Amino acid sequence: MKTTSKKAAKKARVRTAKPLRREFTVRDMNRSGAELLEAARKLGSVTIRSRAGEAFEVRALTDSAAGNVLANAVLERMRRHRKRLAEVGYKEPSAAGWEVISQAISGER
């Protein structure tokens, strides 16, 4: 009986990533805190349930200063763009005009 080589055995063992969980227990929190934090980072928030039935939510806090700077930059670009459009004489369509545009896009006209 011939056994497989070590190289072939390594190729056969493919590790799959664990699916992210939304709910953890207090025991999970103590034993695998890194997994809990990673799930909170990727999913936004996770729930921790105690044996007494209490539920706690852990959520990742984002760096709000960096987010505000980015949001302000986007808003400023939009303001400049609208100002340029107004300078060249662009007028936004009325509600009836938007309806005509929507119908044309959907192929109704």
C-alpha atoms as a PDB file:
ATOM      1  CA  MET A   1       0.000   0.000   0.000  1.00  0.00           C
ATOM      2  CA  LYS A   2       1.471   3.296  -1.083  1.00  0.00           C
ATOM      3  CA  THR A   3       0.937   6.407   1.040  1.00  0.00           C
ATOM      4  CA  THR A   4       0.755   9.919  -0.317  1.00  0.00           C
ATOM      5  CA  SER A   5       3.735  12.183  -0.082  1.00  0.00           C
ATOM      6  CA  LYS A   6       3.880  15.015   2.435  1.00  0.00           C
ATOM      7  CA  LYS A   7       3.527  17.544  -0.379  1.00  0.00           C
ATOM      8  CA  ALA A   8       0.354  15.912  -1.650  1.00  0.00           C
ATOM      9  CA  ALA A   9      -1.036  15.700   1.885  1.00  0.00           C
ATOM     10  CA  LYS A  10      -0.472  19.441   2.390  1.00  0.00           C
ATOM     11  CA  LYS A  11      -2.284  20.240  -0.843  1.00  0.00           C
ATOM     12  CA  ALA A  12      -5.218  18.064   0.206  1.00  0.00           C
ATOM     13  CA  ARG A  13      -5.677  19.981   3.480  1.00  0.00           C
ATOM     14  CA  VAL A  14      -7.382  23.190   2.484  1.00  0.00           C
ATOM     15  CA  ARG A  15      -8.323  25.421   5.347  1.00  0.00           C
ATOM     16  CA  THR A  16     -11.538  27.307   4.973  1.00  0.00           C
ATOM     17  CA  ALA A  17     -12.274  30.510   6.803  1.00  0.00           C
ATOM     18  CA  LYS A  18     -14.801  30.278   9.590  1.00  0.00           C
ATOM     19  CA  PRO A  19     -18.041  32.079   8.850  1.00  0.00           C
ATOM     20  CA  LEU A  20     -18.522  35.240  10.879  1.00  0.00           C
ATOM     21  CA  ARG A  21     -21.039  34.927  13.690  1.00  0.00           C
ATOM     22  CA  ARG A  22     -23.400  37.654  14.865  1.00  0.00           C
ATOM     23  CA  GLU A  23     -24.022  36.142  18.310  1.00  0.00           C
ATOM     24  CA  PHE A  24     -21.495  35.102  20.934  1.00  0.00           C
ATOM     25  CA  THR A  25     -21.688  33.918  24.537  1.00  0.00           C
ATOM     26  CA  VAL A  26     -19.737  35.315  27.466  1.00  0.00           C
ATOM     27  CA  ARG A  27     -17.609  32.172  27.305  1.00  0.00           C
ATOM     28  CA  ASP A  28     -16.831  32.839  23.636  1.00  0.00           C
ATOM     29  CA  MET A  29     -15.871  36.380  24.554  1.00  0.00           C
ATOM     30  CA  ASN A  30     -13.382  35.093  27.127  1.00  0.00           C
ATOM     31  CA  ARG A  31     -11.930  32.344  24.938  1.00  0.00           C
ATOM     32  CA  SER A  32     -11.873  33.959  21.510  1.00  0.00           C
ATOM     33  CA  GLY A  33     -11.912  37.700  21.926  1.00  0.00           C
ATOM     34  CA  ALA A  34     -10.035  38.275  18.678  1.00  0.00           C
ATOM     35  CA  GLU A  35     -12.722  36.443  16.700  1.00  0.00           C
ATOM     36  CA  LEU A  36     -15.431  38.523  18.398  1.00  0.00           C
ATOM     37  CA  LEU A  37     -13.639  41.789  17.634  1.00  0.00           C
ATOM     38  CA  GLU A  38     -13.008  40.776  14.021  1.00  0.00           C
ATOM     39  CA  ALA A  39     -16.700  39.961  13.567  1.00  0.00           C
ATOM     40  CA  ALA A  40     -17.669  43.317  15.101  1.00  0.00           C
ATOM     41  CA  ARG A  41     -15.209  45.093  12.810  1.00  0.00           C
ATOM     42  CA  LYS A  42     -16.519  43.400   9.662  1.00  0.00           C
ATOM     43  CA  LEU A  43     -20.244  43.181  10.505  1.00  0.00           C
ATOM     44  CA  GLY A  44     -20.569  46.468  12.376  1.00  0.00           C
ATOM     45  CA  SER A  45     -21.895  44.948  15.605  1.00  0.00           C
ATOM     46  CA  VAL A  46     -22.250  41.609  17.384  1.00  0.00           C
ATOM     47  CA  THR A  47     -24.402  40.443  20.298  1.00  0.00           C
ATOM     48  CA  ILE A  48     -23.088  38.785  23.450  1.00  0.00           C
ATOM     49  CA  ARG A  49     -25.617  36.727  25.437  1.00  0.00           C
ATOM     50  CA  SER A  50     -25.159  35.760  29.068  1.00  0.00           C
ATOM     51  CA  ARG A  51     -26.584  32.700  30.785  1.00  0.00           C
ATOM     52  CA  ALA A  52     -28.964  34.982  32.683  1.00  0.00           C
ATOM     53  CA  GLY A  53     -30.529  35.991  29.373  1.00  0.00           C
ATOM     54  CA  GLU A  54     -29.023  39.445  29.167  1.00  0.00           C
ATOM     55  CA  ALA A  55     -27.876  40.653  25.775  1.00  0.00           C
ATOM     56  CA  PHE A  56     -25.058  43.093  25.125  1.00  0.00           C
ATOM     57  CA  GLU A  57     -24.041  44.671  21.846  1.00  0.00           C
ATOM     58  CA  VAL A  58     -20.434  45.260  20.844  1.00  0.00           C
ATOM     59  CA  ARG A  59     -19.871  47.539  17.895  1.00  0.00           C
ATOM     60  CA  ALA A  60     -16.780  48.922  16.253  1.00  0.00           C
ATOM     61  CA  LEU A  61     -16.216  52.637  16.604  1.00  0.00           C
ATOM     62  CA  THR A  62     -14.875  54.237  13.471  1.00  0.00           C
ATOM     63  CA  ASP A  63     -12.403  57.056  13.436  1.00  0.00           C
ATOM     64  CA  SER A  64     -14.974  59.830  13.189  1.00  0.00           C
ATOM     65  CA  ALA A  65     -12.420  62.566  12.555  1.00  0.00           C
ATOM     66  CA  ALA A  66     -11.184  60.889   9.373  1.00  0.00           C
ATOM     67  CA  GLY A  67     -14.762  60.157   8.300  1.00  0.00           C
ATOM     68  CA  ASN A  68     -15.800  63.769   8.803  1.00  0.00           C
ATOM     69  CA  VAL A  69     -12.861  65.049   6.759  1.00  0.00           C
ATOM     70  CA  LEU A  70     -13.773  62.726   3.889  1.00  0.00           C
ATOM     71  CA  ALA A  71     -17.474  63.602   4.062  1.00  0.00           C
ATOM     72  CA  ASN A  72     -16.693  67.330   4.119  1.00  0.00           C
ATOM     73  CA  ALA A  73     -14.424  66.954   1.087  1.00  0.00           C
ATOM     74  CA  VAL A  74     -17.167  65.153  -0.858  1.00  0.00           C
ATOM     75  CA  LEU A  75     -19.736  67.797   0.091  1.00  0.00           C
ATOM     76  CA  GLU A  76     -17.387  70.594  -0.977  1.00  0.00           C
ATOM     77  CA  ARG A  77     -16.814  68.919  -4.374  1.00  0.00           C
ATOM     78  CA  MET A  78     -20.576  68.590  -4.851  1.00  0.00           C
ATOM     79  CA  ARG A  79     -21.092  72.282  -4.015  1.00  0.00           C
ATOM     80  CA  ARG A  80     -18.414  73.333  -6.516  1.00  0.00           C
ATOM     81  CA  HIS A  81     -19.937  71.086  -9.185  1.00  0.00           C
ATOM     82  CA  ARG A  82     -23.427  72.525  -8.665  1.00  0.00           C
ATOM     83  CA  LYS A  83     -22.006  76.033  -8.776  1.00  0.00           C
ATOM     84  CA  ARG A  84     -20.292  75.282 -12.118  1.00  0.00           C
ATOM     85  CA  LEU A  85     -23.543  73.829 -13.495  1.00  0.00           C
ATOM     86  CA  ALA A  86     -25.438  76.955 -12.456  1.00  0.00           C
ATOM     87  CA  GLU A  87     -22.802  79.150 -14.131  1.00  0.00           C
ATOM     88  CA  VAL A  88     -23.276  77.397 -17.474  1.00  0.00           C
ATOM     89  CA  GLY A  89     -27.068  77.702 -17.232  1.00  0.00           C
ATOM     90  CA  TYR A  90     -28.111  74.217 -16.123  1.00  0.00           C
ATOM     91  CA  LYS A  91     -31.586  74.043 -14.607  1.00  0.00           C
ATOM     92  CA  GLU A  92     -32.769  70.899 -12.843  1.00  0.00           C
ATOM     93  CA  PRO A  93     -35.792  69.244 -14.486  1.00  0.00           C
ATOM     94  CA  SER A  94     -39.210  69.626 -12.891  1.00  0.00           C
ATOM     95  CA  ALA A  95     -41.079  66.654 -11.411  1.00  0.00           C
ATOM     96  CA  ALA A  96     -42.821  66.102 -14.755  1.00  0.00           C
ATOM     97  CA  GLY A  97     -39.463  66.282 -16.497  1.00  0.00           C
ATOM     98  CA  TRP A  98     -38.014  63.624 -14.202  1.00  0.00           C
ATOM     99  CA  GLU A  99     -41.015  61.413 -14.976  1.00  0.00           C
ATOM    100  CA  VAL A 100     -40.322  61.708 -18.712  1.00  0.00           C
ATOM    101  CA  ILE A 101     -36.644  60.880 -18.126  1.00  0.00           C
ATOM    102  CA  SER A 102     -37.556  57.837 -15.991  1.00  0.00           C
ATOM    103  CA  GLN A 103     -39.949  56.574 -18.654  1.00  0.00           C
ATOM    104  CA  ALA A 104     -37.319  57.003 -21.360  1.00  0.00           C
ATOM    105  CA  ILE A 105     -34.772  55.064 -19.312  1.00  0.00           C
ATOM    106  CA  SER A 106     -37.212  52.226 -18.634  1.00  0.00           C
ATOM    107  CA  GLY A 107     -38.165  52.040 -22.315  1.00  0.00           C
ATOM    108  CA  GLU A 108     -41.766  53.166 -21.878  1.00  0.00           C
ATOM    109  CA  ARG A 109     -41.280  56.088 -24.297  1.00  0.00           C
END
